[in-house]
Amino acid sequence: GVGMGMTAPVSITAFPAEDGSFQQKVKVSLRIPSQFQDNPPHPTDESIKIEERQEMTIYSTQFGGYAKEVDYVNYAAKLKAALGSDAAYHKDFYLCNGYDPPMKPYGRRNEIWLVKE
């Protein structure tokens, strides 16, 4: 019953299949605004969970435009290639982040995060 507005980034945890595409299982995360951090409202929908994201170190790349699955997959592959085989990061998932409202036509910001092990 509390309106919190849109927060950024909207973060999608992707679990890549063997061919690099997204599996059907994805997790969408929204940041709880600062004023609600200490006492977040309780969701009425049981499928919504409040989780605390632990501190993490990431490898990241940024790109523009209206991001689609194919864009996230391609930029994740480019980031992995740039890091090479010596970089230690979680291979079973990566995070796809969008920072802009849907109606923003120009100057959009998207990121891929690979979480360091």
N, C-alpha and C. Protein backbone atom coordinates (compact mmCIF):
# COMPACT_ATOMS: atom_id res chain seq x y z
N GLY A 1 0.80 -1.21 0.00
CA GLY A 1 0.00 0.00 0.00
C GLY A 1 0.83 1.26 0.00
N VAL A 2 2.15 1.13 -0.11
CA VAL A 2 3.02 2.30 -0.11
C VAL A 2 3.60 2.49 -1.50
N GLY A 3 3.46 3.68 -2.06
CA GLY A 3 4.06 3.98 -3.36
C GLY A 3 5.52 4.40 -3.17
N MET A 4 6.42 3.70 -3.85
CA MET A 4 7.84 4.01 -3.69
C MET A 4 8.44 4.60 -4.96
N GLY A 5 7.71 4.62 -6.05
CA GLY A 5 8.26 5.14 -7.29
C GLY A 5 9.26 4.17 -7.90
N MET A 6 9.81 4.54 -9.03
CA MET A 6 10.77 3.69 -9.73
C MET A 6 12.16 3.90 -9.16
N THR A 7 12.91 2.84 -9.05
CA THR A 7 14.29 2.93 -8.58
C THR A 7 15.23 2.40 -9.66
N ALA A 8 16.48 2.75 -9.54
CA ALA A 8 17.47 2.28 -10.51
C ALA A 8 18.69 1.77 -9.75
N PRO A 9 19.32 0.76 -10.26
CA PRO A 9 18.96 0.07 -11.50
C PRO A 9 17.88 -0.98 -11.27
N VAL A 10 17.20 -1.34 -12.35
CA VAL A 10 16.40 -2.55 -12.36
C VAL A 10 17.38 -3.64 -12.77
N SER A 11 17.50 -4.65 -11.95
CA SER A 11 18.53 -5.65 -12.13
C SER A 11 17.90 -7.01 -12.41
N ILE A 12 18.29 -7.62 -13.51
CA ILE A 12 17.79 -8.95 -13.87
C ILE A 12 18.96 -9.92 -13.72
N THR A 13 18.79 -10.94 -12.89
CA THR A 13 19.80 -11.97 -12.78
C THR A 13 19.51 -13.00 -13.85
N ALA A 14 20.45 -13.15 -14.77
CA ALA A 14 20.31 -14.10 -15.87
C ALA A 14 21.12 -15.35 -15.56
N PHE A 15 20.53 -16.48 -15.86
CA PHE A 15 21.19 -17.77 -15.68
C PHE A 15 21.38 -18.33 -17.09
N PRO A 16 22.58 -18.17 -17.66
CA PRO A 16 22.76 -18.52 -19.07
C PRO A 16 22.69 -20.02 -19.34
N ALA A 17 22.07 -20.37 -20.46
CA ALA A 17 22.02 -21.76 -20.93
C ALA A 17 23.35 -22.07 -21.62
N GLU A 18 23.51 -23.30 -22.06
CA GLU A 18 24.75 -23.73 -22.73
C GLU A 18 25.10 -22.84 -23.93
N ASP A 19 24.09 -22.40 -24.68
CA ASP A 19 24.33 -21.58 -25.87
C ASP A 19 24.47 -20.09 -25.54
N GLY A 20 24.42 -19.73 -24.24
CA GLY A 20 24.55 -18.34 -23.83
C GLY A 20 23.25 -17.60 -23.66
N SER A 21 22.15 -18.13 -24.22
CA SER A 21 20.85 -17.47 -24.08
C SER A 21 20.35 -17.59 -22.64
N PHE A 22 19.36 -16.80 -22.31
CA PHE A 22 18.77 -16.86 -20.97
C PHE A 22 17.98 -18.15 -20.81
N GLN A 23 18.09 -18.76 -19.64
CA GLN A 23 17.17 -19.84 -19.30
C GLN A 23 15.85 -19.17 -18.95
N GLN A 24 14.82 -19.96 -18.82
CA GLN A 24 13.51 -19.38 -18.49
C GLN A 24 13.51 -18.77 -17.10
N LYS A 25 14.39 -19.25 -16.24
CA LYS A 25 14.46 -18.73 -14.88
C LYS A 25 15.27 -17.44 -14.87
N VAL A 26 14.65 -16.34 -14.50
CA VAL A 26 15.35 -15.07 -14.29
C VAL A 26 14.83 -14.49 -12.97
N LYS A 27 15.60 -13.60 -12.41
CA LYS A 27 15.21 -12.96 -11.15
C LYS A 27 15.30 -11.46 -11.37
N VAL A 28 14.22 -10.74 -11.12
CA VAL A 28 14.19 -9.29 -11.28
C VAL A 28 14.29 -8.66 -9.89
N SER A 29 15.22 -7.72 -9.74
CA SER A 29 15.43 -7.06 -8.45
C SER A 29 15.29 -5.56 -8.61
N LEU A 30 14.65 -4.94 -7.64
CA LEU A 30 14.49 -3.50 -7.59
C LEU A 30 15.09 -3.00 -6.29
N ARG A 31 15.76 -1.88 -6.35
CA ARG A 31 16.36 -1.30 -5.15
C ARG A 31 15.26 -0.63 -4.33
N ILE A 32 15.28 -0.89 -3.03
CA ILE A 32 14.34 -0.22 -2.14
C ILE A 32 14.91 1.17 -1.84
N PRO A 33 14.12 2.24 -2.05
CA PRO A 33 14.61 3.60 -1.83
C PRO A 33 15.18 3.79 -0.41
N SER A 34 16.12 4.70 -0.29
CA SER A 34 16.85 4.93 0.96
C SER A 34 15.93 5.13 2.17
N GLN A 35 14.85 5.89 1.99
CA GLN A 35 13.99 6.19 3.14
C GLN A 35 13.26 4.95 3.66
N PHE A 36 13.24 3.85 2.89
CA PHE A 36 12.58 2.62 3.31
C PHE A 36 13.57 1.52 3.69
N GLN A 37 14.88 1.79 3.60
CA GLN A 37 15.88 0.75 3.82
C GLN A 37 15.79 0.13 5.22
N ASP A 38 15.64 0.94 6.24
CA ASP A 38 15.63 0.41 7.61
C ASP A 38 14.36 -0.34 7.96
N ASN A 39 13.26 0.04 7.32
CA ASN A 39 11.97 -0.59 7.63
C ASN A 39 11.14 -0.70 6.34
N PRO A 40 11.51 -1.63 5.45
CA PRO A 40 10.78 -1.73 4.18
C PRO A 40 9.34 -2.22 4.37
N PRO A 41 8.42 -1.74 3.53
CA PRO A 41 7.05 -2.24 3.61
C PRO A 41 7.01 -3.73 3.26
N HIS A 42 6.09 -4.44 3.85
CA HIS A 42 5.98 -5.88 3.60
C HIS A 42 5.12 -6.13 2.37
N PRO A 43 5.64 -6.90 1.41
CA PRO A 43 4.86 -7.19 0.21
C PRO A 43 3.61 -8.02 0.54
N THR A 44 2.53 -7.75 -0.18
CA THR A 44 1.31 -8.54 0.00
C THR A 44 1.28 -9.73 -0.95
N ASP A 45 2.13 -9.72 -1.96
CA ASP A 45 2.23 -10.81 -2.91
C ASP A 45 3.34 -11.75 -2.44
N GLU A 46 3.00 -13.01 -2.21
CA GLU A 46 3.97 -13.97 -1.66
C GLU A 46 5.13 -14.28 -2.61
N SER A 47 4.99 -13.97 -3.88
CA SER A 47 6.09 -14.22 -4.82
C SER A 47 7.17 -13.14 -4.75
N ILE A 48 6.89 -12.05 -4.04
CA ILE A 48 7.84 -10.96 -3.89
C ILE A 48 8.57 -11.14 -2.57
N LYS A 49 9.88 -11.13 -2.63
CA LYS A 49 10.72 -11.32 -1.44
C LYS A 49 11.62 -10.10 -1.28
N ILE A 50 11.90 -9.76 -0.03
CA ILE A 50 12.87 -8.72 0.26
C ILE A 50 14.16 -9.42 0.65
N GLU A 51 15.21 -9.10 -0.09
CA GLU A 51 16.52 -9.70 0.16
C GLU A 51 17.54 -8.58 0.34
N GLU A 52 18.51 -8.85 1.17
CA GLU A 52 19.61 -7.91 1.30
C GLU A 52 20.73 -8.38 0.40
N ARG A 53 21.14 -7.53 -0.51
CA ARG A 53 22.23 -7.87 -1.42
C ARG A 53 23.54 -7.59 -0.70
N GLN A 54 24.34 -8.62 -0.63
CA GLN A 54 25.63 -8.49 0.03
C GLN A 54 26.59 -7.66 -0.82
N GLU A 55 27.60 -7.11 -0.18
CA GLU A 55 28.64 -6.37 -0.89
C GLU A 55 29.27 -7.28 -1.93
N MET A 56 29.58 -6.73 -3.09
CA MET A 56 30.17 -7.54 -4.14
C MET A 56 31.15 -6.69 -4.95
N THR A 57 32.08 -7.37 -5.57
CA THR A 57 32.99 -6.74 -6.52
C THR A 57 32.58 -7.26 -7.89
N ILE A 58 32.49 -6.36 -8.85
CA ILE A 58 31.99 -6.75 -10.17
C ILE A 58 32.95 -6.34 -11.27
N TYR A 59 32.85 -7.05 -12.39
CA TYR A 59 33.41 -6.62 -13.66
C TYR A 59 32.20 -6.12 -14.45
N SER A 60 32.33 -4.96 -15.08
CA SER A 60 31.16 -4.36 -15.70
C SER A 60 31.48 -3.78 -17.07
N THR A 61 30.46 -3.76 -17.92
CA THR A 61 30.53 -3.03 -19.18
C THR A 61 29.20 -2.30 -19.36
N GLN A 62 29.24 -1.17 -20.04
CA GLN A 62 28.06 -0.33 -20.22
C GLN A 62 27.76 -0.20 -21.71
N PHE A 63 26.46 -0.10 -22.03
CA PHE A 63 26.04 0.13 -23.40
C PHE A 63 24.72 0.87 -23.40
N GLY A 64 24.36 1.46 -24.53
CA GLY A 64 23.16 2.28 -24.63
C GLY A 64 22.04 1.58 -25.39
N GLY A 65 20.96 2.31 -25.58
CA GLY A 65 19.81 1.82 -26.35
C GLY A 65 18.79 1.09 -25.50
N TYR A 66 17.73 0.64 -26.19
CA TYR A 66 16.71 -0.19 -25.54
C TYR A 66 17.23 -1.62 -25.51
N ALA A 67 17.66 -2.08 -24.37
CA ALA A 67 18.31 -3.39 -24.27
C ALA A 67 17.29 -4.53 -24.36
N LYS A 68 17.64 -5.50 -25.17
CA LYS A 68 16.85 -6.73 -25.30
C LYS A 68 17.74 -7.89 -24.86
N GLU A 69 17.15 -9.07 -24.74
CA GLU A 69 17.93 -10.23 -24.31
C GLU A 69 19.17 -10.42 -25.15
N VAL A 70 19.05 -10.30 -26.47
CA VAL A 70 20.19 -10.51 -27.36
C VAL A 70 21.31 -9.51 -27.06
N ASP A 71 20.96 -8.28 -26.68
CA ASP A 71 21.98 -7.29 -26.33
C ASP A 71 22.72 -7.69 -25.06
N TYR A 72 21.97 -8.10 -24.06
CA TYR A 72 22.61 -8.53 -22.81
C TYR A 72 23.52 -9.74 -23.05
N VAL A 73 23.06 -10.70 -23.83
CA VAL A 73 23.84 -11.90 -24.14
C VAL A 73 25.12 -11.51 -24.88
N ASN A 74 25.02 -10.63 -25.89
CA ASN A 74 26.18 -10.21 -26.67
C ASN A 74 27.19 -9.43 -25.83
N TYR A 75 26.71 -8.50 -25.01
CA TYR A 75 27.63 -7.71 -24.20
C TYR A 75 28.24 -8.55 -23.08
N ALA A 76 27.51 -9.50 -22.56
CA ALA A 76 28.09 -10.42 -21.56
C ALA A 76 29.22 -11.22 -22.21
N ALA A 77 29.00 -11.70 -23.42
CA ALA A 77 30.03 -12.46 -24.14
C ALA A 77 31.26 -11.59 -24.41
N LYS A 78 31.05 -10.34 -24.79
CA LYS A 78 32.18 -9.42 -25.04
C LYS A 78 32.96 -9.16 -23.76
N LEU A 79 32.26 -8.98 -22.65
CA LEU A 79 32.93 -8.74 -21.37
C LEU A 79 33.74 -9.97 -20.95
N LYS A 80 33.14 -11.14 -21.10
CA LYS A 80 33.85 -12.38 -20.76
C LYS A 80 35.10 -12.54 -21.63
N ALA A 81 34.99 -12.24 -22.91
CA ALA A 81 36.13 -12.34 -23.82
C ALA A 81 37.22 -11.34 -23.43
N ALA A 82 36.83 -10.13 -23.06
CA ALA A 82 37.81 -9.10 -22.67
C ALA A 82 38.54 -9.49 -21.39
N LEU A 83 37.85 -10.17 -20.49
CA LEU A 83 38.46 -10.60 -19.22
C LEU A 83 39.42 -11.77 -19.41
N GLY A 84 39.14 -12.60 -20.41
CA GLY A 84 39.97 -13.77 -20.64
C GLY A 84 39.69 -14.88 -19.64
N SER A 85 40.47 -15.92 -19.71
CA SER A 85 40.21 -17.11 -18.90
C SER A 85 40.76 -17.02 -17.48
N ASP A 86 41.58 -16.03 -17.19
CA ASP A 86 42.18 -15.93 -15.85
C ASP A 86 41.30 -15.23 -14.83
N ALA A 87 40.30 -14.48 -15.27
CA ALA A 87 39.43 -13.75 -14.34
C ALA A 87 38.51 -14.71 -13.60
N ALA A 88 38.41 -14.53 -12.30
CA ALA A 88 37.57 -15.40 -11.47
C ALA A 88 36.24 -14.69 -11.20
N TYR A 89 35.19 -15.18 -11.83
CA TYR A 89 33.85 -14.63 -11.61
C TYR A 89 32.86 -15.79 -11.68
N HIS A 90 31.66 -15.56 -11.14
CA HIS A 90 30.62 -16.59 -11.15
C HIS A 90 30.19 -16.84 -12.59
N LYS A 91 30.27 -18.07 -13.02
CA LYS A 91 29.93 -18.43 -14.41
C LYS A 91 28.46 -18.82 -14.57
N ASP A 92 27.78 -19.11 -13.46
CA ASP A 92 26.41 -19.62 -13.52
C ASP A 92 25.34 -18.52 -13.59
N PHE A 93 25.75 -17.26 -13.44
CA PHE A 93 24.79 -16.16 -13.55
C PHE A 93 25.54 -14.87 -13.84
N TYR A 94 24.82 -13.87 -14.32
CA TYR A 94 25.32 -12.51 -14.41
C TYR A 94 24.13 -11.57 -14.27
N LEU A 95 24.42 -10.29 -14.04
CA LEU A 95 23.36 -9.32 -13.80
C LEU A 95 23.25 -8.35 -14.97
N CYS A 96 22.02 -8.12 -15.41
CA CYS A 96 21.69 -7.19 -16.49
C CYS A 96 20.97 -6.01 -15.84
N ASN A 97 21.52 -4.83 -15.98
CA ASN A 97 21.00 -3.67 -15.27
C ASN A 97 20.56 -2.58 -16.23
N GLY A 98 19.38 -2.02 -15.96
CA GLY A 98 18.86 -0.89 -16.72
C GLY A 98 18.61 0.26 -15.77
N TYR A 99 18.93 1.46 -16.20
CA TYR A 99 18.86 2.63 -15.33
C TYR A 99 17.79 3.65 -15.73
N ASP A 100 17.11 3.43 -16.83
CA ASP A 100 16.23 4.47 -17.35
C ASP A 100 14.77 4.02 -17.43
N PRO A 101 13.85 5.00 -17.31
CA PRO A 101 12.43 4.68 -17.49
C PRO A 101 12.15 4.30 -18.94
N PRO A 102 11.12 3.51 -19.17
CA PRO A 102 10.83 3.02 -20.53
C PRO A 102 10.61 4.12 -21.56
N MET A 103 10.15 5.27 -21.15
CA MET A 103 9.82 6.33 -22.11
C MET A 103 11.01 7.22 -22.46
N LYS A 104 12.18 6.97 -21.88
CA LYS A 104 13.36 7.79 -22.21
C LYS A 104 13.93 7.31 -23.54
N PRO A 105 13.88 8.14 -24.58
CA PRO A 105 14.28 7.67 -25.90
C PRO A 105 15.79 7.71 -26.18
N TYR A 106 16.51 8.62 -25.54
CA TYR A 106 17.93 8.80 -25.86
C TYR A 106 18.78 8.75 -24.60
N GLY A 107 20.06 8.42 -24.79
CA GLY A 107 20.99 8.45 -23.68
C GLY A 107 20.74 7.37 -22.64
N ARG A 108 20.22 6.24 -23.08
CA ARG A 108 19.89 5.16 -22.16
C ARG A 108 21.17 4.47 -21.67
N ARG A 109 21.13 3.99 -20.44
CA ARG A 109 22.29 3.32 -19.83
C ARG A 109 21.90 1.92 -19.39
N ASN A 110 22.67 0.95 -19.85
CA ASN A 110 22.52 -0.45 -19.48
C ASN A 110 23.89 -0.97 -19.09
N GLU A 111 23.92 -1.96 -18.22
CA GLU A 111 25.19 -2.55 -17.81
C GLU A 111 25.07 -4.05 -17.66
N ILE A 112 26.18 -4.73 -17.87
CA ILE A 112 26.33 -6.14 -17.55
C ILE A 112 27.27 -6.20 -16.37
N TRP A 113 26.93 -6.99 -15.36
CA TRP A 113 27.82 -7.21 -14.21
C TRP A 113 28.15 -8.68 -14.12
N LEU A 114 29.43 -8.98 -14.07
CA LEU A 114 29.91 -10.31 -13.72
C LEU A 114 30.44 -10.19 -12.30
N VAL A 115 29.96 -11.04 -11.40
CA VAL A 115 30.30 -10.94 -9.99
C VAL A 115 31.58 -11.73 -9.71
N LYS A 116 32.56 -11.03 -9.19
CA LYS A 116 33.85 -11.65 -8.88
C LYS A 116 33.68 -12.69 -7.78
N GLU A 117 34.39 -13.81 -7.95
CA GLU A 117 34.32 -14.87 -6.93
C GLU A 117 35.17 -14.50 -5.73
